[in-house]
């Protein structure tokens, strides 16, 4: 709570998550709005989801798009992917592909799948798709580490014990 009182945007974001888990969407909205105002990209993404789903707020495409854009600018990977989907659904294929290329280069599997469809349909060249594949693989490789492997194995053991 001290970090929230100190206006720590990450702490506010996590308080929003805790409120949401308890079904307190008003509280989550309040914390995420404060965190977003302080530049937290994850909070912007959660606000976009709230406006998309209409949980705790009225559905609002304009506000959803605003928060998706802010989250994507802040480096939130799923926001970048979702922007690609929104642009594609709105018929702005070129913009959609640009968002998906950025997200795929950051390691987003869903955006890579979207680019596969674009390549199949002749919307992007072989060279562009190959570059996205290389970028995706580079991002995936960069996230590999011995520590991550140990943590994943420990999580798998814990999940197996819980069942």
N, C-alpha and C. Protein backbone atom coordinates (compact mmCIF):
# COMPACT_ATOMS: atom_id res chain seq x y z
N UNK A 1 0.82 -1.20 0.00
CA UNK A 1 0.00 0.00 0.00
C UNK A 1 0.86 1.26 0.00
N UNK A 2 2.08 1.16 0.58
CA UNK A 2 2.96 2.32 0.60
C UNK A 2 3.33 2.75 -0.81
N UNK A 3 3.55 1.79 -1.69
CA UNK A 3 3.93 2.10 -3.05
C UNK A 3 2.77 2.79 -3.79
N UNK A 4 1.54 2.37 -3.50
CA UNK A 4 0.38 3.02 -4.12
C UNK A 4 0.30 4.46 -3.65
N UNK A 5 0.48 4.66 -2.34
CA UNK A 5 0.43 6.01 -1.78
C UNK A 5 1.54 6.89 -2.34
N UNK A 6 2.65 6.26 -2.77
CA UNK A 6 3.77 7.00 -3.35
C UNK A 6 3.57 7.21 -4.86
N UNK A 7 2.38 6.89 -5.36
CA UNK A 7 2.05 7.04 -6.79
C UNK A 7 2.94 6.20 -7.70
N UNK A 8 3.23 4.99 -7.27
CA UNK A 8 3.99 4.04 -8.09
C UNK A 8 3.02 3.43 -9.10
N UNK A 9 3.20 3.69 -10.41
CA UNK A 9 2.24 3.19 -11.39
C UNK A 9 2.16 1.67 -11.45
N UNK A 10 3.27 0.99 -11.20
CA UNK A 10 3.25 -0.48 -11.21
C UNK A 10 2.45 -1.01 -10.03
N UNK A 11 2.61 -0.41 -8.88
CA UNK A 11 1.84 -0.82 -7.71
C UNK A 11 0.35 -0.57 -7.94
N UNK A 12 0.03 0.56 -8.56
CA UNK A 12 -1.37 0.87 -8.85
C UNK A 12 -1.95 -0.13 -9.84
N UNK A 13 -1.15 -0.51 -10.83
CA UNK A 13 -1.59 -1.50 -11.81
C UNK A 13 -1.93 -2.82 -11.09
N UNK A 14 -1.05 -3.25 -10.20
CA UNK A 14 -1.29 -4.51 -9.49
C UNK A 14 -2.48 -4.42 -8.53
N UNK A 15 -2.69 -3.26 -7.93
CA UNK A 15 -3.88 -3.08 -7.10
C UNK A 15 -5.13 -3.21 -7.97
N UNK A 16 -5.07 -2.68 -9.17
CA UNK A 16 -6.19 -2.82 -10.11
C UNK A 16 -6.46 -4.27 -10.42
N UNK A 17 -5.40 -5.05 -10.62
CA UNK A 17 -5.58 -6.48 -10.88
C UNK A 17 -6.25 -7.18 -9.70
N UNK A 18 -5.81 -6.83 -8.49
CA UNK A 18 -6.40 -7.45 -7.30
C UNK A 18 -7.88 -7.08 -7.19
N UNK A 19 -8.22 -5.83 -7.48
CA UNK A 19 -9.63 -5.41 -7.43
C UNK A 19 -10.45 -6.15 -8.48
N UNK A 20 -9.90 -6.28 -9.66
CA UNK A 20 -10.61 -6.98 -10.73
C UNK A 20 -10.87 -8.44 -10.35
N UNK A 21 -9.86 -9.10 -9.78
CA UNK A 21 -10.01 -10.49 -9.37
C UNK A 21 -11.13 -10.67 -8.36
N UNK A 22 -11.38 -9.64 -7.57
CA UNK A 22 -12.46 -9.69 -6.57
C UNK A 22 -13.80 -9.23 -7.15
N UNK A 23 -13.81 -8.90 -8.44
CA UNK A 23 -15.05 -8.45 -9.08
C UNK A 23 -15.34 -6.98 -8.88
N UNK A 24 -14.39 -6.23 -8.32
CA UNK A 24 -14.56 -4.80 -8.08
C UNK A 24 -14.03 -4.03 -9.29
N UNK A 25 -14.87 -3.94 -10.34
CA UNK A 25 -14.44 -3.29 -11.57
C UNK A 25 -14.29 -1.79 -11.41
N UNK A 26 -15.10 -1.19 -10.54
CA UNK A 26 -14.96 0.24 -10.30
C UNK A 26 -13.60 0.55 -9.67
N UNK A 27 -13.22 -0.26 -8.69
CA UNK A 27 -11.91 -0.08 -8.05
C UNK A 27 -10.77 -0.32 -9.03
N UNK A 28 -10.90 -1.38 -9.84
CA UNK A 28 -9.87 -1.67 -10.84
C UNK A 28 -9.75 -0.50 -11.81
N UNK A 29 -10.89 0.01 -12.26
CA UNK A 29 -10.89 1.13 -13.19
C UNK A 29 -10.18 2.34 -12.58
N UNK A 30 -10.44 2.61 -11.32
CA UNK A 30 -9.84 3.76 -10.64
C UNK A 30 -8.31 3.61 -10.59
N UNK A 31 -7.84 2.44 -10.16
CA UNK A 31 -6.39 2.24 -10.06
C UNK A 31 -5.73 2.25 -11.44
N UNK A 32 -6.35 1.61 -12.42
CA UNK A 32 -5.75 1.56 -13.75
C UNK A 32 -5.75 2.93 -14.41
N UNK A 33 -6.77 3.74 -14.14
CA UNK A 33 -6.80 5.09 -14.70
C UNK A 33 -5.64 5.91 -14.15
N UNK A 34 -5.39 5.79 -12.84
CA UNK A 34 -4.27 6.51 -12.23
C UNK A 34 -2.94 6.00 -12.78
N UNK A 35 -2.80 4.67 -12.87
CA UNK A 35 -1.55 4.09 -13.37
C UNK A 35 -1.32 4.49 -14.83
N UNK A 36 -2.38 4.50 -15.63
CA UNK A 36 -2.25 4.88 -17.04
C UNK A 36 -1.84 6.34 -17.16
N UNK A 37 -2.40 7.19 -16.32
CA UNK A 37 -2.04 8.61 -16.35
C UNK A 37 -0.56 8.81 -16.03
N UNK A 38 0.01 7.86 -15.28
CA UNK A 38 1.43 7.92 -14.95
C UNK A 38 2.29 7.15 -15.95
N UNK A 39 1.66 6.67 -17.04
CA UNK A 39 2.41 6.07 -18.13
C UNK A 39 2.53 4.56 -18.12
N UNK A 40 1.76 3.87 -17.30
CA UNK A 40 1.84 2.41 -17.25
C UNK A 40 1.10 1.80 -18.44
N UNK A 41 1.85 1.15 -19.34
CA UNK A 41 1.28 0.59 -20.56
C UNK A 41 0.32 -0.56 -20.26
N UNK A 42 0.64 -1.36 -19.25
CA UNK A 42 -0.25 -2.48 -18.89
C UNK A 42 -1.61 -1.97 -18.42
N UNK A 43 -1.62 -0.86 -17.70
CA UNK A 43 -2.88 -0.27 -17.25
C UNK A 43 -3.70 0.22 -18.44
N UNK A 44 -3.02 0.83 -19.40
CA UNK A 44 -3.72 1.25 -20.62
C UNK A 44 -4.37 0.05 -21.30
N UNK A 45 -3.64 -1.06 -21.36
CA UNK A 45 -4.18 -2.25 -22.01
C UNK A 45 -5.41 -2.77 -21.27
N UNK A 46 -5.35 -2.82 -19.95
CA UNK A 46 -6.49 -3.29 -19.16
C UNK A 46 -7.70 -2.36 -19.33
N UNK A 47 -7.45 -1.07 -19.40
CA UNK A 47 -8.54 -0.13 -19.65
C UNK A 47 -9.16 -0.36 -21.02
N UNK A 48 -8.32 -0.64 -22.01
CA UNK A 48 -8.83 -0.94 -23.35
C UNK A 48 -9.73 -2.17 -23.30
N UNK A 49 -9.32 -3.18 -22.56
CA UNK A 49 -10.14 -4.39 -22.44
C UNK A 49 -11.47 -4.08 -21.75
N UNK A 50 -11.43 -3.22 -20.73
CA UNK A 50 -12.68 -2.86 -20.04
C UNK A 50 -13.63 -2.17 -21.01
N UNK A 51 -13.11 -1.24 -21.80
CA UNK A 51 -13.97 -0.54 -22.76
C UNK A 51 -14.44 -1.46 -23.88
N UNK A 52 -13.65 -2.45 -24.20
CA UNK A 52 -14.05 -3.43 -25.23
C UNK A 52 -15.16 -4.34 -24.72
N UNK A 53 -15.00 -4.82 -23.48
CA UNK A 53 -15.93 -5.79 -22.92
C UNK A 53 -17.12 -5.14 -22.22
N UNK A 54 -16.98 -3.88 -21.84
CA UNK A 54 -18.04 -3.21 -21.11
C UNK A 54 -18.14 -3.66 -19.67
N UNK A 55 -17.01 -4.08 -19.10
CA UNK A 55 -17.00 -4.50 -17.69
C UNK A 55 -16.61 -3.31 -16.83
N UNK A 56 -17.57 -2.83 -16.03
CA UNK A 56 -17.32 -1.70 -15.15
C UNK A 56 -17.46 -0.35 -15.83
N UNK A 57 -17.55 -0.35 -17.14
CA UNK A 57 -17.72 0.88 -17.93
C UNK A 57 -18.62 0.55 -19.11
N UNK A 58 -19.14 1.59 -19.74
CA UNK A 58 -19.90 1.36 -20.97
C UNK A 58 -18.93 1.06 -22.10
N UNK A 59 -19.33 0.17 -23.00
CA UNK A 59 -18.50 -0.11 -24.16
C UNK A 59 -18.27 1.19 -24.92
N UNK A 60 -17.01 1.39 -25.32
CA UNK A 60 -16.67 2.63 -26.02
C UNK A 60 -15.48 2.34 -26.94
N UNK A 61 -15.74 2.22 -28.23
CA UNK A 61 -14.70 1.87 -29.19
C UNK A 61 -13.61 2.94 -29.27
N UNK A 62 -14.01 4.19 -29.17
CA UNK A 62 -13.06 5.28 -29.27
C UNK A 62 -12.06 5.25 -28.10
N UNK A 63 -12.58 5.06 -26.88
CA UNK A 63 -11.70 4.99 -25.71
C UNK A 63 -10.88 3.70 -25.73
N UNK A 64 -11.49 2.62 -26.20
CA UNK A 64 -10.75 1.36 -26.33
C UNK A 64 -9.54 1.56 -27.24
N UNK A 65 -9.77 2.17 -28.40
CA UNK A 65 -8.70 2.40 -29.36
C UNK A 65 -7.62 3.32 -28.78
N UNK A 66 -8.03 4.37 -28.08
CA UNK A 66 -7.08 5.29 -27.46
C UNK A 66 -6.15 4.53 -26.52
N UNK A 67 -6.73 3.71 -25.65
CA UNK A 67 -5.91 2.99 -24.67
C UNK A 67 -5.07 1.90 -25.33
N UNK A 68 -5.58 1.28 -26.38
CA UNK A 68 -4.76 0.30 -27.12
C UNK A 68 -3.55 1.00 -27.73
N UNK A 69 -3.76 2.17 -28.31
CA UNK A 69 -2.65 2.90 -28.93
C UNK A 69 -1.62 3.31 -27.89
N UNK A 70 -2.07 3.81 -26.75
CA UNK A 70 -1.15 4.21 -25.69
C UNK A 70 -0.37 3.01 -25.16
N UNK A 71 -1.06 1.89 -24.99
CA UNK A 71 -0.40 0.68 -24.50
C UNK A 71 0.62 0.18 -25.51
N UNK A 72 0.27 0.20 -26.79
CA UNK A 72 1.19 -0.25 -27.84
C UNK A 72 2.42 0.65 -27.91
N UNK A 73 2.20 1.95 -27.81
CA UNK A 73 3.32 2.89 -27.80
C UNK A 73 4.24 2.59 -26.62
N UNK A 74 3.64 2.19 -25.51
CA UNK A 74 4.41 1.86 -24.31
C UNK A 74 5.06 0.48 -24.35
N UNK A 75 4.85 -0.25 -25.45
CA UNK A 75 5.51 -1.55 -25.61
C UNK A 75 4.69 -2.75 -25.19
N UNK A 76 3.40 -2.57 -24.92
CA UNK A 76 2.56 -3.70 -24.52
C UNK A 76 2.25 -4.54 -25.75
N UNK A 77 2.76 -5.74 -25.76
CA UNK A 77 2.74 -6.61 -26.93
C UNK A 77 1.33 -7.00 -27.37
N UNK A 78 0.47 -7.38 -26.43
CA UNK A 78 -0.89 -7.77 -26.79
C UNK A 78 -1.70 -6.60 -27.35
N UNK A 79 -1.40 -5.40 -26.87
CA UNK A 79 -2.07 -4.21 -27.39
C UNK A 79 -1.70 -4.00 -28.85
N UNK A 80 -0.43 -4.20 -29.18
CA UNK A 80 0.01 -4.04 -30.57
C UNK A 80 -0.70 -5.06 -31.46
N UNK A 81 -0.78 -6.30 -30.98
CA UNK A 81 -1.49 -7.34 -31.73
C UNK A 81 -2.97 -6.97 -31.91
N UNK A 82 -3.61 -6.54 -30.82
CA UNK A 82 -5.03 -6.18 -30.90
C UNK A 82 -5.26 -5.01 -31.84
N UNK A 83 -4.33 -4.06 -31.86
CA UNK A 83 -4.45 -2.95 -32.81
C UNK A 83 -4.43 -3.47 -34.25
N UNK A 84 -3.58 -4.45 -34.49
CA UNK A 84 -3.55 -5.06 -35.82
C UNK A 84 -4.88 -5.69 -36.17
N UNK A 85 -5.49 -6.34 -35.20
CA UNK A 85 -6.80 -6.97 -35.43
C UNK A 85 -7.88 -5.92 -35.68
N UNK A 86 -7.88 -4.86 -34.87
CA UNK A 86 -8.87 -3.79 -35.04
C UNK A 86 -8.73 -3.14 -36.41
N UNK A 87 -7.49 -2.83 -36.79
CA UNK A 87 -7.26 -2.20 -38.09
C UNK A 87 -7.69 -3.13 -39.22
N UNK A 88 -7.39 -4.41 -39.10
CA UNK A 88 -7.80 -5.37 -40.11
C UNK A 88 -9.31 -5.46 -40.23
N UNK A 89 -9.99 -5.48 -39.09
CA UNK A 89 -11.45 -5.55 -39.09
C UNK A 89 -12.09 -4.29 -39.67
N UNK A 90 -11.36 -3.18 -39.59
CA UNK A 90 -11.85 -1.91 -40.14
C UNK A 90 -11.44 -1.70 -41.59
N UNK A 91 -10.83 -2.73 -42.19
CA UNK A 91 -10.47 -2.65 -43.60
C UNK A 91 -9.17 -1.93 -43.89
N UNK A 92 -8.42 -1.59 -42.87
CA UNK A 92 -7.13 -0.91 -43.06
C UNK A 92 -6.01 -1.96 -43.01
N UNK A 93 -5.95 -2.75 -44.06
CA UNK A 93 -5.06 -3.90 -44.10
C UNK A 93 -3.60 -3.52 -43.97
N UNK A 94 -3.18 -2.46 -44.63
CA UNK A 94 -1.77 -2.07 -44.57
C UNK A 94 -1.35 -1.71 -43.15
N UNK A 95 -2.20 -0.94 -42.48
CA UNK A 95 -1.91 -0.58 -41.08
C UNK A 95 -1.93 -1.81 -40.19
N UNK A 96 -2.88 -2.72 -40.45
CA UNK A 96 -2.97 -3.95 -39.66
C UNK A 96 -1.69 -4.75 -39.79
N UNK A 97 -1.20 -4.88 -41.01
CA UNK A 97 0.02 -5.65 -41.23
C UNK A 97 1.21 -5.02 -40.53
N UNK A 98 1.29 -3.69 -40.52
CA UNK A 98 2.40 -3.03 -39.83
C UNK A 98 2.38 -3.34 -38.34
N UNK A 99 1.19 -3.29 -37.74
CA UNK A 99 1.08 -3.62 -36.32
C UNK A 99 1.47 -5.08 -36.08
N UNK A 100 1.00 -5.97 -36.93
CA UNK A 100 1.33 -7.39 -36.75
C UNK A 100 2.82 -7.65 -36.97
N UNK A 101 3.44 -6.95 -37.89
CA UNK A 101 4.87 -7.12 -38.10
C UNK A 101 5.64 -6.70 -36.85
N UNK A 102 5.27 -5.56 -36.27
CA UNK A 102 5.93 -5.10 -35.04
C UNK A 102 5.74 -6.12 -33.93
N UNK A 103 4.50 -6.60 -33.74
CA UNK A 103 4.23 -7.56 -32.67
C UNK A 103 4.94 -8.89 -32.91
N UNK A 104 4.96 -9.35 -34.16
CA UNK A 104 5.65 -10.61 -34.47
C UNK A 104 7.15 -10.46 -34.20
N UNK A 105 7.71 -9.31 -34.54
CA UNK A 105 9.14 -9.07 -34.28
C UNK A 105 9.45 -9.02 -32.79
N UNK A 106 8.42 -8.82 -31.97
CA UNK A 106 8.59 -8.83 -30.52
C UNK A 106 8.25 -10.20 -29.93
N UNK A 107 7.88 -11.16 -30.80
CA UNK A 107 7.65 -12.52 -30.33
C UNK A 107 6.21 -12.92 -30.16
N UNK A 108 5.26 -12.14 -30.67
CA UNK A 108 3.84 -12.46 -30.50
C UNK A 108 3.41 -13.52 -31.52
N UNK A 109 3.01 -14.69 -31.02
CA UNK A 109 2.62 -15.81 -31.89
C UNK A 109 1.37 -15.50 -32.71
N UNK A 110 0.39 -14.86 -32.11
CA UNK A 110 -0.86 -14.54 -32.80
C UNK A 110 -0.64 -13.63 -33.99
N UNK A 111 0.27 -12.67 -33.83
CA UNK A 111 0.57 -11.77 -34.95
C UNK A 111 1.33 -12.50 -36.05
N UNK A 112 2.19 -13.43 -35.66
CA UNK A 112 2.87 -14.23 -36.67
C UNK A 112 1.86 -15.05 -37.46
N UNK A 113 0.88 -15.62 -36.76
CA UNK A 113 -0.19 -16.37 -37.44
C UNK A 113 -0.98 -15.47 -38.39
N UNK A 114 -1.26 -14.24 -37.97
CA UNK A 114 -1.98 -13.30 -38.84
C UNK A 114 -1.17 -12.99 -40.09
N UNK A 115 0.15 -12.86 -39.91
CA UNK A 115 1.01 -12.59 -41.07
C UNK A 115 1.08 -13.80 -42.01
N UNK A 116 1.00 -14.99 -41.45
CA UNK A 116 0.95 -16.20 -42.30
C UNK A 116 -0.26 -16.13 -43.22
N UNK A 117 -1.39 -15.72 -42.65
CA UNK A 117 -2.61 -15.59 -43.47
C UNK A 117 -2.45 -14.50 -44.52
N UNK A 118 -1.82 -13.40 -44.15
CA UNK A 118 -1.60 -12.31 -45.10
C UNK A 118 -0.70 -12.77 -46.24
N UNK A 119 0.32 -13.53 -45.89
CA UNK A 119 1.22 -14.05 -46.93
C UNK A 119 0.49 -15.03 -47.84
N UNK A 120 -0.28 -15.91 -47.22
CA UNK A 120 -1.05 -16.89 -48.00
C UNK A 120 -2.00 -16.19 -48.98
N UNK A 121 -2.59 -15.10 -48.52
CA UNK A 121 -3.54 -14.37 -49.35
C UNK A 121 -2.88 -13.35 -50.29
N UNK A 122 -1.56 -13.31 -50.29
CA UNK A 122 -0.84 -12.42 -51.19
C UNK A 122 -0.81 -10.96 -50.76
N UNK A 123 -1.07 -10.70 -49.48
CA UNK A 123 -1.09 -9.32 -49.00
C UNK A 123 0.29 -8.81 -48.60
N UNK A 124 1.21 -9.73 -48.32
CA UNK A 124 2.59 -9.33 -48.03
C UNK A 124 3.51 -10.22 -48.87
N UNK A 125 4.68 -9.71 -49.12
CA UNK A 125 5.64 -10.44 -49.95
C UNK A 125 6.35 -11.53 -49.14
N UNK A 126 7.00 -12.40 -49.87
CA UNK A 126 7.78 -13.45 -49.24
C UNK A 126 8.90 -12.85 -48.38
N UNK A 127 9.49 -11.78 -48.87
CA UNK A 127 10.59 -11.14 -48.14
C UNK A 127 10.11 -10.54 -46.81
N UNK A 128 8.96 -9.89 -46.85
CA UNK A 128 8.41 -9.29 -45.63
C UNK A 128 8.06 -10.38 -44.62
N UNK A 129 7.44 -11.46 -45.11
CA UNK A 129 7.09 -12.55 -44.21
C UNK A 129 8.34 -13.22 -43.65
N UNK A 130 9.34 -13.43 -44.48
CA UNK A 130 10.59 -14.05 -44.01
C UNK A 130 11.26 -13.17 -42.95
N UNK A 131 11.25 -11.87 -43.15
CA UNK A 131 11.84 -10.95 -42.17
C UNK A 131 11.07 -11.03 -40.85
N UNK A 132 9.75 -11.12 -40.92
CA UNK A 132 8.93 -11.24 -39.70
C UNK A 132 9.23 -12.57 -38.99
N UNK A 133 9.39 -13.64 -39.75
CA UNK A 133 9.74 -14.94 -39.16
C UNK A 133 11.08 -14.86 -38.43
N UNK A 134 12.05 -14.24 -39.07
CA UNK A 134 13.38 -14.10 -38.44
C UNK A 134 13.29 -13.25 -37.17
N UNK A 135 12.56 -12.15 -37.26
CA UNK A 135 12.40 -11.28 -36.09
C UNK A 135 11.71 -12.00 -34.94
N UNK A 136 10.68 -12.76 -35.27
CA UNK A 136 9.96 -13.53 -34.24
C UNK A 136 10.89 -14.53 -33.58
N UNK A 137 11.64 -15.27 -34.40
CA UNK A 137 12.55 -16.27 -33.84
C UNK A 137 13.62 -15.63 -32.97
N UNK A 138 14.13 -14.49 -33.39
CA UNK A 138 15.13 -13.77 -32.59
C UNK A 138 14.55 -13.38 -31.23
N UNK A 139 13.32 -12.89 -31.23
CA UNK A 139 12.68 -12.50 -29.97
C UNK A 139 12.46 -13.71 -29.07
N UNK A 140 12.01 -14.81 -29.65
CA UNK A 140 11.78 -16.03 -28.87
C UNK A 140 13.10 -16.54 -28.30
N UNK A 141 14.14 -16.54 -29.11
CA UNK A 141 15.45 -17.00 -28.65
C UNK A 141 16.00 -16.12 -27.53
N UNK A 142 15.75 -14.82 -27.63
CA UNK A 142 16.24 -13.87 -26.62
C UNK A 142 15.60 -14.11 -25.26
N UNK A 143 14.43 -14.71 -25.25
CA UNK A 143 13.74 -14.95 -23.98
C UNK A 143 14.12 -16.29 -23.35
N UNK A 144 14.97 -17.05 -24.01
CA UNK A 144 15.40 -18.32 -23.46
C UNK A 144 16.56 -18.09 -22.51
N UNK A 145 16.52 -18.78 -21.39
CA UNK A 145 17.62 -18.70 -20.44
C UNK A 145 17.55 -19.92 -19.53
N UNK A 146 18.67 -20.29 -18.93
CA UNK A 146 18.65 -21.42 -17.98
C UNK A 146 17.71 -21.16 -16.81
N UNK A 147 17.65 -19.92 -16.35
CA UNK A 147 16.78 -19.58 -15.22
C UNK A 147 15.31 -19.74 -15.59
N UNK A 148 14.97 -19.31 -16.80
CA UNK A 148 13.59 -19.44 -17.26
C UNK A 148 13.20 -20.90 -17.36
N UNK A 149 14.13 -21.75 -17.85
CA UNK A 149 13.86 -23.17 -17.98
C UNK A 149 13.62 -23.80 -16.62
N UNK A 150 14.44 -23.46 -15.64
CA UNK A 150 14.28 -23.98 -14.28
C UNK A 150 12.94 -23.53 -13.71
N UNK A 151 12.57 -22.27 -13.93
CA UNK A 151 11.30 -21.75 -13.42
C UNK A 151 10.12 -22.46 -14.08
N UNK A 152 10.20 -22.70 -15.39
CA UNK A 152 9.12 -23.41 -16.09
C UNK A 152 8.97 -24.83 -15.59
N UNK A 153 10.10 -25.50 -15.34
CA UNK A 153 10.05 -26.87 -14.82
C UNK A 153 9.44 -26.89 -13.42
N UNK A 154 9.80 -25.92 -12.59
CA UNK A 154 9.25 -25.84 -11.23
C UNK A 154 7.75 -25.60 -11.29
N UNK A 155 7.31 -24.75 -12.20
CA UNK A 155 5.87 -24.47 -12.36
C UNK A 155 5.14 -25.73 -12.80
N UNK A 156 5.72 -26.47 -13.73
CA UNK A 156 5.10 -27.70 -14.20
C UNK A 156 4.97 -28.72 -13.06
N UNK A 157 6.01 -28.82 -12.21
CA UNK A 157 5.95 -29.74 -11.05
C UNK A 157 4.84 -29.32 -10.09
N UNK A 158 4.75 -28.03 -9.83
CA UNK A 158 3.73 -27.52 -8.91
C UNK A 158 2.34 -27.78 -9.45
N UNK A 159 2.16 -27.58 -10.75
CA UNK A 159 0.85 -27.83 -11.37
C UNK A 159 0.50 -29.31 -11.34
N UNK A 160 1.50 -30.17 -11.54
CA UNK A 160 1.27 -31.62 -11.49
C UNK A 160 0.90 -32.07 -10.09
N UNK A 161 1.53 -31.48 -9.10
CA UNK A 161 1.24 -31.82 -7.69
C UNK A 161 -0.16 -31.35 -7.29
N UNK A 162 -0.61 -30.25 -7.89
CA UNK A 162 -1.91 -29.69 -7.54
C UNK A 162 -3.06 -30.51 -8.11
N UNK A 163 -2.79 -31.32 -9.14
CA UNK A 163 -3.86 -32.11 -9.75
C UNK A 163 -3.92 -33.51 -9.22
